[in-house]
Amino acid sequence: MIPIPFDLPVQIVTHPVRMESPKIDLVYPQVTGLANPAAQSAINLEIVTEFALLLQQLGYGNQNLVEMTGYYEVKTNERDVLSLLLVVYSFTGGAHGLTLAKALTFDVRTGKRYRLGDLFKPDSGYTEVLSGMIGGLIKEWEVPELEPFESISPGQDFYMADHSLTVFFQLYELTPYVYGFPYFPIPLKSLESIIADSGPASSLLPF
C-alpha cells in the first residue's frame, strides 16, 4: 500500500439561516473535526466574520430589504488547504439586486488565512506578473471592460481550485453588471518561479 502523504479533506457542516419576511435563505460553512482546535476556531471565526460583513454590506436588517440569499462553494479541500467562496445576493428594490463574493483560503493545520501576497516570494512582483497574464486573457476572451484594465490590487480576490489560482473581480469592478463576476484561472505551474516555498500554492502544485 502506498502511504498517503497529506491529511484527508476536512469535514464541513452547513448552517442555515432562514426567514419568511423579508425572504432570507442563507447557508454558510463551518469546519469540524480538525486535530488542532485552535486552528478550527480561527477558521470558523474568519468564515462567520466575512459572511456577516457581506450581509451587512448588502442590507441585512435594512427595512427596504426584500430578498436575500447566500451560499458557499468549496473550491479546494486537499493537501491541508481549504479554499472557499462565499456568495450573497440581496434585493432592496430598483432594476436588479446586487451580489457580492468573498473567497477565503486557509492552512487547516494552523488556521492561518492566506492573502494573495502570501502565495508568492518576497519581491516577486506578483501583481505585475498576474496583471500581465490577466490583461492577456481579457484581450483573448474579448472581455468587455468598463475602463481599460491596468492592474490588480495587491489584495485582489482569489481562490485556489484544480491546481490553479483563480483571480476574480466584483460586479462593476472591471466589467458591466450583465457580464457577472469576471474569473481568471491561472495554472499554478505557470507561476512556479515566483511561488513561495511554503504556502497553499506550493502545496497544490501538480506533481
Protein backbone atom coordinates (compact mmCIF):
# COMPACT_ATOMS: atom_id res chain seq x y z
CA MET A 1 0.00 0.00 0.00
CA ILE A 2 1.31 3.46 -0.91
CA PRO A 3 1.19 5.84 2.11
CA ILE A 4 -0.95 8.98 1.76
CA PRO A 5 1.40 12.00 2.08
CA PHE A 6 -1.30 14.50 3.01
CA ASP A 7 -4.13 14.69 5.50
CA LEU A 8 -7.59 13.82 4.28
CA PRO A 9 -10.01 16.66 3.44
CA VAL A 10 -11.58 18.48 6.37
CA GLN A 11 -15.19 17.94 7.32
CA ILE A 12 -17.58 20.79 6.57
CA VAL A 13 -21.06 21.24 8.01
CA THR A 14 -23.67 23.63 6.64
CA HIS A 15 -25.56 26.07 8.85
CA PRO A 16 -28.85 27.53 7.52
CA VAL A 17 -30.43 30.91 8.32
CA ARG A 18 -33.99 31.28 7.04
CA MET A 19 -36.77 33.86 7.47
CA GLU A 20 -40.09 34.46 5.72
CA SER A 21 -40.42 38.25 5.86
CA PRO A 22 -38.25 39.55 4.41
CA LYS A 23 -37.39 36.40 2.46
CA ILE A 24 -33.97 35.29 3.69
CA ASP A 25 -32.37 32.00 2.73
CA LEU A 26 -28.73 31.69 3.74
CA VAL A 27 -26.31 28.82 4.28
CA TYR A 28 -22.72 29.13 5.47
CA PRO A 29 -19.99 26.58 6.19
CA GLN A 30 -18.16 25.62 9.36
CA VAL A 31 -15.27 23.18 9.63
CA THR A 32 -15.25 20.40 12.19
CA GLY A 33 -13.07 17.59 13.44
CA LEU A 34 -9.70 19.29 12.96
CA ALA A 35 -6.79 17.94 15.01
CA ASN A 36 -5.94 21.49 16.13
CA PRO A 37 -8.94 23.02 17.97
CA ALA A 38 -7.37 26.49 17.89
CA ALA A 39 -7.00 26.29 14.10
CA GLN A 40 -10.60 25.14 13.77
CA SER A 41 -11.85 28.05 15.89
CA ALA A 42 -9.77 30.56 13.93
CA ILE A 43 -11.06 29.30 10.58
CA ASN A 44 -14.68 29.29 11.69
CA LEU A 45 -14.38 32.79 13.16
CA GLU A 46 -12.98 34.10 9.86
CA ILE A 47 -15.82 32.48 7.91
CA VAL A 48 -18.54 33.87 10.16
CA THR A 49 -16.95 37.32 10.21
CA GLU A 50 -16.63 37.57 6.43
CA PHE A 51 -20.14 36.20 5.91
CA ALA A 52 -21.55 38.76 8.34
CA LEU A 53 -19.71 41.56 6.55
CA LEU A 54 -21.26 40.51 3.24
CA LEU A 55 -24.71 40.52 4.82
CA GLN A 56 -24.11 43.95 6.33
CA GLN A 57 -22.88 45.40 3.03
CA LEU A 58 -25.95 44.06 1.25
CA GLY A 59 -28.52 45.46 3.67
CA TYR A 60 -29.24 42.72 6.20
CA GLY A 61 -31.61 44.36 8.70
CA ASN A 62 -32.44 47.19 6.30
CA GLN A 63 -36.17 47.99 6.25
CA ASN A 64 -36.06 48.08 2.44
CA LEU A 65 -34.70 44.55 2.13
CA VAL A 66 -36.99 42.38 0.01
CA GLU A 67 -34.94 39.24 -0.50
CA MET A 68 -31.52 37.87 0.43
CA THR A 69 -29.91 34.57 -0.48
CA GLY A 70 -26.45 33.28 0.30
CA TYR A 71 -24.46 30.12 -0.27
CA TYR A 72 -20.91 28.79 -0.42
CA GLU A 73 -18.76 26.69 -2.71
CA VAL A 74 -15.81 24.53 -1.70
CA LYS A 75 -13.08 25.17 -4.25
CA THR A 76 -10.22 23.19 -2.69
CA ASN A 77 -10.19 20.77 0.23
CA GLU A 78 -6.96 18.79 0.00
CA ARG A 79 -3.28 18.79 0.98
CA ASP A 80 -4.06 20.79 4.15
CA VAL A 81 -5.54 23.63 2.07
CA LEU A 82 -9.15 24.76 2.29
CA SER A 83 -10.38 27.37 -0.19
CA LEU A 84 -13.99 28.57 -0.04
CA LEU A 85 -16.16 31.04 -1.93
CA LEU A 86 -18.99 32.85 -0.09
CA VAL A 87 -21.68 34.41 -2.29
CA VAL A 88 -24.57 36.64 -1.14
CA TYR A 89 -27.33 38.28 -3.21
CA SER A 90 -29.82 40.86 -1.99
CA PHE A 91 -32.67 42.85 -3.50
CA THR A 92 -33.76 46.12 -1.93
CA GLY A 93 -35.69 47.50 -4.90
CA GLY A 94 -34.74 49.04 -8.23
CA ALA A 95 -33.89 47.41 -11.54
CA HIS A 96 -32.00 44.46 -10.06
CA GLY A 97 -30.32 43.23 -6.92
CA LEU A 98 -26.63 43.05 -6.11
CA THR A 99 -24.33 40.11 -5.47
CA LEU A 100 -21.02 40.09 -3.60
CA ALA A 101 -18.50 37.25 -3.40
CA LYS A 102 -15.66 36.70 -0.95
CA ALA A 103 -13.09 33.93 -1.06
CA LEU A 104 -11.12 32.57 1.87
CA THR A 105 -8.11 30.25 1.77
CA PHE A 106 -6.70 28.56 4.87
CA ASP A 107 -3.98 26.27 6.15
CA VAL A 108 -6.13 23.78 8.08
CA ARG A 109 -3.20 22.74 10.29
CA THR A 110 -2.61 26.21 11.74
CA GLY A 111 -5.79 28.15 10.91
CA LYS A 112 -3.78 30.74 9.00
CA ARG A 113 -5.74 32.64 6.39
CA TYR A 114 -3.79 33.45 3.26
CA ARG A 115 -3.91 36.75 1.41
CA LEU A 116 -2.83 36.93 -2.21
CA GLY A 117 0.65 38.20 -1.40
CA ASP A 118 1.26 35.26 0.95
CA LEU A 119 1.31 32.89 -2.02
CA PHE A 120 4.44 34.40 -3.55
CA LYS A 121 8.06 35.03 -2.77
CA PRO A 122 9.02 38.44 -1.33
CA ASP A 123 9.83 40.98 -4.04
CA SER A 124 8.42 38.61 -6.67
CA GLY A 125 6.44 41.35 -8.38
CA TYR A 126 3.39 39.10 -8.31
CA THR A 127 0.94 41.93 -9.01
CA GLU A 128 2.75 42.78 -12.25
CA VAL A 129 3.05 39.12 -13.27
CA LEU A 130 -0.61 38.35 -12.61
CA SER A 131 -1.78 41.61 -14.16
CA GLY A 132 0.12 40.80 -17.35
CA MET A 133 -1.49 37.36 -17.55
CA ILE A 134 -4.96 38.68 -16.81
CA GLY A 135 -4.55 41.50 -19.32
CA GLY A 136 -3.72 38.90 -21.95
CA LEU A 137 -6.81 36.87 -21.08
CA ILE A 138 -9.02 39.96 -21.24
CA LYS A 139 -7.87 40.57 -24.79
CA GLU A 140 -8.01 36.89 -25.80
CA TRP A 141 -11.52 36.40 -24.41
CA GLU A 142 -12.68 39.87 -25.54
CA VAL A 143 -13.92 40.71 -22.05
CA PRO A 144 -15.95 43.95 -22.06
CA GLU A 145 -14.33 46.48 -19.73
CA LEU A 146 -15.87 49.50 -18.03
CA GLU A 147 -12.41 51.08 -18.14
CA PRO A 148 -9.13 49.78 -19.60
CA PHE A 149 -7.60 47.24 -17.23
CA GLU A 150 -4.27 48.28 -15.74
CA SER A 151 -3.50 46.16 -12.68
CA ILE A 152 -4.94 44.01 -9.94
CA SER A 153 -4.67 45.25 -6.36
CA PRO A 154 -2.14 43.61 -4.01
CA GLY A 155 -5.05 42.11 -2.08
CA GLN A 156 -7.20 41.11 -5.06
CA ASP A 157 -9.89 38.48 -4.51
CA PHE A 158 -8.80 34.92 -5.31
CA TYR A 159 -9.35 31.26 -4.59
CA MET A 160 -7.47 28.03 -5.29
CA ALA A 161 -9.01 25.29 -7.44
CA ASP A 162 -7.89 22.50 -9.77
CA HIS A 163 -4.16 23.29 -9.48
CA SER A 164 -4.95 26.87 -10.48
CA LEU A 165 -5.06 30.29 -8.88
CA THR A 166 -8.33 31.98 -9.84
CA VAL A 167 -8.30 35.76 -9.53
CA PHE A 168 -11.68 37.45 -9.72
CA PHE A 169 -13.33 40.85 -9.65
CA GLN A 170 -16.54 42.09 -8.06
CA LEU A 171 -19.51 43.22 -10.14
CA TYR A 172 -18.83 46.64 -11.69
CA GLU A 173 -15.15 46.44 -10.67
CA LEU A 174 -13.98 45.54 -14.17
CA THR A 175 -16.96 44.70 -16.37
CA PRO A 176 -20.63 45.72 -16.81
CA TYR A 177 -23.18 44.13 -14.47
CA VAL A 178 -24.60 41.82 -17.13
CA TYR A 179 -21.19 40.12 -17.54
CA GLY A 180 -21.30 38.79 -13.98
CA PHE A 181 -18.15 38.07 -11.98
CA PRO A 182 -15.02 38.01 -14.16
CA TYR A 183 -12.94 34.96 -13.17
CA PHE A 184 -9.40 34.39 -14.44
CA PRO A 185 -7.92 30.94 -13.68
CA ILE A 186 -4.13 30.81 -13.94
CA PRO A 187 -2.33 27.42 -13.78
CA LEU A 188 -0.03 27.26 -10.78
CA LYS A 189 2.64 25.63 -12.94
CA SER A 190 2.94 28.88 -14.92
CA LEU A 191 3.66 30.75 -11.65
CA GLU A 192 6.08 28.21 -10.18
CA SER A 193 9.13 30.50 -10.36
CA ILE A 194 7.56 33.12 -8.06
CA ILE A 195 5.51 30.89 -5.73
CA ALA A 196 6.62 30.90 -2.08
CA ASP A 197 8.23 27.65 -0.96
CA SER A 198 5.74 27.34 1.90
CA GLY A 199 2.08 28.09 1.40
CA PRO A 200 -1.02 26.82 -0.40
CA ALA A 201 0.21 27.49 -3.93
CA SER A 202 3.34 25.39 -3.31
CA SER A 203 1.27 22.62 -1.70
CA LEU A 204 -1.13 22.46 -4.65
CA LEU A 205 1.43 22.42 -7.46
CA PRO A 206 0.87 19.34 -9.65
CA PHE A 207 3.40 16.56 -9.20
